[in-house]
Amino acid sequence: MEKLEPTREEINTLKGSTMLEFGATWCGYCKAAQPTITSELSHFPNIRHIKIEDGKGRRLGRSFHVKLWPTLIFLKDGVELRRLVREIDAAELKSGLALIAA
């Protein structure tokens, strides 16, 4: 059974710190970014991480204007504060996580 993605309304009402990760299981850039994402997230256990399988016809990705994968969106109380796109740099990822963890 396919897991349903959250709606934009559900994302907008999330309280606290959330990182959305848009990508696809077959995406080479997404696969390459996984070790960095996993490593950096381990330092921020209180940040909610929602992985979203994106693709044609997926409304949530379109509502965030996602064009390339992976796209990481850093949210605080449902508001986007920063995003990283495609090649994920560990220092930039850590900075984004620290921004929403504060």
Protein backbone atom coordinates (compact mmCIF):
# COMPACT_ATOMS: atom_id res chain seq x y z
CA MET A 1 0.00 0.00 0.00
CA GLU A 2 1.40 3.39 -1.03
CA LYS A 3 1.88 5.89 1.77
CA LEU A 4 -0.13 9.05 1.17
CA GLU A 5 1.81 12.27 1.13
CA PRO A 6 0.67 15.00 3.53
CA THR A 7 -1.38 17.86 2.11
CA ARG A 8 -0.03 21.39 1.89
CA GLU A 9 -2.55 22.38 4.57
CA GLU A 10 -1.16 19.70 6.91
CA ILE A 11 2.40 20.93 6.28
CA ASN A 12 1.40 24.57 6.84
CA THR A 13 -0.05 23.73 10.28
CA LEU A 14 2.91 21.70 11.54
CA LYS A 15 4.32 23.05 14.79
CA GLY A 16 8.03 23.09 15.49
CA SER A 17 10.94 22.27 13.20
CA THR A 18 10.49 20.22 10.03
CA MET A 19 12.70 19.36 7.09
CA LEU A 20 10.89 18.23 3.95
CA GLU A 21 12.93 16.13 1.54
CA PHE A 22 11.55 15.94 -1.99
CA GLY A 23 13.07 13.34 -4.29
CA ALA A 24 12.66 10.01 -6.02
CA THR A 25 14.03 6.57 -5.16
CA TRP A 26 15.66 6.20 -8.59
CA CYS A 27 17.27 9.69 -8.57
CA GLY A 28 21.08 9.54 -8.56
CA TYR A 29 21.43 12.94 -6.89
CA CYS A 30 19.00 11.84 -4.16
CA LYS A 31 20.91 8.61 -3.55
CA ALA A 32 24.23 10.48 -3.41
CA ALA A 33 22.84 12.96 -0.85
CA GLN A 34 21.50 10.31 1.57
CA PRO A 35 24.69 9.75 3.63
CA THR A 36 25.09 13.52 4.18
CA ILE A 37 21.41 13.99 5.05
CA THR A 38 21.39 11.03 7.45
CA SER A 39 24.62 12.12 9.11
CA GLU A 40 23.59 15.76 9.65
CA LEU A 41 20.06 14.88 10.79
CA SER A 42 21.53 12.62 13.48
CA HIS A 43 22.78 15.78 15.24
CA PHE A 44 19.27 17.25 15.33
CA PRO A 45 16.97 14.56 16.79
CA ASN A 46 14.17 17.04 17.51
CA ILE A 47 13.71 18.00 13.86
CA ARG A 48 10.86 16.22 12.07
CA HIS A 49 12.06 14.74 8.75
CA ILE A 50 9.42 14.04 6.11
CA LYS A 51 10.61 12.29 2.98
CA ILE A 52 8.32 12.84 0.01
CA GLU A 53 8.42 10.79 -3.17
CA ASP A 54 7.99 13.49 -5.81
CA GLY A 55 7.09 13.23 -9.46
CA LYS A 56 4.65 14.15 -12.17
CA GLY A 57 1.19 14.89 -10.80
CA ARG A 58 2.34 15.12 -7.18
CA ARG A 59 0.60 18.16 -5.77
CA LEU A 60 2.75 18.80 -2.71
CA GLY A 61 5.93 19.19 -4.75
CA ARG A 62 4.17 21.50 -7.18
CA SER A 63 2.82 23.64 -4.33
CA PHE A 64 6.43 24.19 -3.18
CA HIS A 65 7.60 24.79 -6.78
CA VAL A 66 10.04 21.88 -6.60
CA LYS A 67 11.87 21.55 -9.93
CA LEU A 68 15.03 19.55 -9.11
CA TRP A 69 15.79 16.71 -6.71
CA PRO A 70 16.66 16.46 -4.00
CA THR A 71 15.07 19.62 -2.65
CA LEU A 72 15.28 20.11 1.11
CA ILE A 73 12.89 22.65 2.61
CA PHE A 74 13.49 23.85 6.17
CA LEU A 75 10.29 24.88 7.98
CA LYS A 76 9.60 26.44 11.35
CA ASP A 77 5.93 26.24 12.38
CA GLY A 78 4.95 25.53 8.75
CA VAL A 79 6.84 28.53 7.32
CA GLU A 80 9.71 28.00 4.86
CA LEU A 81 12.92 29.62 6.09
CA ARG A 82 15.44 28.09 3.67
CA ARG A 83 15.86 25.48 0.96
CA LEU A 84 18.69 23.51 -0.57
CA VAL A 85 18.45 22.14 -4.08
CA ARG A 86 20.27 19.33 -5.93
CA GLU A 87 23.85 18.95 -4.70
CA ILE A 88 23.62 18.91 -0.92
CA ASP A 89 26.61 20.41 0.90
CA ALA A 90 27.07 19.22 4.50
CA ALA A 91 27.88 22.70 5.86
CA GLU A 92 24.82 24.26 4.17
CA LEU A 93 22.63 21.41 5.41
CA LYS A 94 23.91 21.83 8.97
CA SER A 95 23.27 25.59 8.74
CA GLY A 96 19.68 25.02 7.57
CA LEU A 97 19.02 22.52 10.34
CA ALA A 98 20.53 24.84 12.96
CA LEU A 99 18.33 27.70 11.67
CA ILE A 100 15.10 25.80 12.31
CA ALA A 101 16.34 24.08 15.48
CA ALA A 102 16.79 27.39 17.28
